[in-house]
C-alpha cells in the first residue's frame, strides 16, 4: 500500500521508496525500510501528511510521498 493511500491513524511498515531523492533525505534521518509508521493526520487540503516514523514526527508534502508500506 502506498503511503498516500493510508488512512489517518493507520499503521504500516515501510517496505520501499519509489522516489530516490526522498529516499536519500529520509534515510539520512534514519527512516529506513522496516521502519514502523503511522499517519497522524492530513492538512485540510490533503497536500501534506503528518506521519510518525518510529519515535519521529515528519510532515511530507504530496509531491514527495511515493513511499510504499
Protein backbone atom coordinates (compact mmCIF):
# COMPACT_ATOMS: atom_id res chain seq x y z
CA UNK A 1 0.00 0.00 0.00
CA UNK A 2 1.30 3.47 -0.79
CA UNK A 3 1.72 5.99 1.99
CA UNK A 4 -0.66 8.35 0.19
CA UNK A 5 -3.38 5.66 0.28
CA UNK A 6 -3.20 5.05 4.03
CA UNK A 7 -5.94 6.43 6.29
CA UNK A 8 -5.46 8.58 9.40
CA UNK A 9 -4.27 6.51 12.39
CA UNK A 10 -3.43 3.59 10.10
CA UNK A 11 -0.10 1.89 10.80
CA UNK A 12 2.28 0.15 8.46
CA UNK A 13 5.87 -0.85 7.89
CA UNK A 14 7.96 0.93 5.27
CA UNK A 15 8.87 -1.58 2.57
CA UNK A 16 10.49 0.56 -0.12
CA UNK A 17 10.78 4.05 -1.59
CA UNK A 18 9.57 4.97 -5.06
CA UNK A 19 11.26 8.39 -5.12
CA UNK A 20 15.06 8.23 -4.93
CA UNK A 21 15.56 11.86 -3.85
CA UNK A 22 13.08 11.46 -0.99
CA UNK A 23 14.67 8.13 -0.06
CA UNK A 24 18.08 9.78 0.35
CA UNK A 25 16.64 12.51 2.60
CA UNK A 26 14.61 10.13 4.75
CA UNK A 27 17.40 7.57 5.09
CA UNK A 28 19.75 10.36 6.23
CA UNK A 29 17.24 10.98 9.06
CA UNK A 30 17.19 7.29 9.96
CA UNK A 31 13.95 6.37 8.18
CA UNK A 32 14.79 3.00 6.64
CA UNK A 33 12.84 0.12 5.13
CA UNK A 34 11.41 -1.81 8.06
CA UNK A 35 10.56 1.38 9.99
CA UNK A 36 7.10 1.44 11.60
CA UNK A 37 4.97 4.38 10.51
CA UNK A 38 1.55 5.80 11.25
CA UNK A 39 -0.45 8.52 9.51
CA UNK A 40 -1.21 11.10 12.20
CA UNK A 41 -3.31 13.41 10.05
CA UNK A 42 -3.52 15.33 6.77
CA UNK A 43 -3.80 19.05 6.39
CA UNK A 44 -7.15 20.43 5.24
CA UNK A 45 -6.31 20.20 1.56
CA UNK A 46 -4.64 16.78 1.74
CA UNK A 47 -1.39 18.16 0.38
CA UNK A 48 0.68 17.35 3.47
CA UNK A 49 0.73 14.15 5.52
CA UNK A 50 1.84 14.23 9.13
CA UNK A 51 3.49 10.90 9.85
CA UNK A 52 5.04 9.25 12.89
CA UNK A 53 8.00 7.09 11.96
CA UNK A 54 9.27 5.11 14.94
CA UNK A 55 9.69 7.95 17.50
CA UNK A 56 9.96 10.79 14.95
CA UNK A 57 7.23 13.05 13.54
CA UNK A 58 7.51 14.20 9.92
CA UNK A 59 5.49 16.31 7.50
CA UNK A 60 5.63 15.03 3.93
CA UNK A 61 4.24 17.02 1.01
CA UNK A 62 2.03 15.33 -1.57
CA UNK A 63 4.64 15.64 -4.32
CA UNK A 64 7.14 13.68 -2.25
CA UNK A 65 5.19 10.87 -0.63
CA UNK A 66 5.66 8.00 -3.05
CA UNK A 67 6.80 5.55 -0.39
CA UNK A 68 5.26 2.13 -0.01
CA UNK A 69 4.27 0.40 3.20
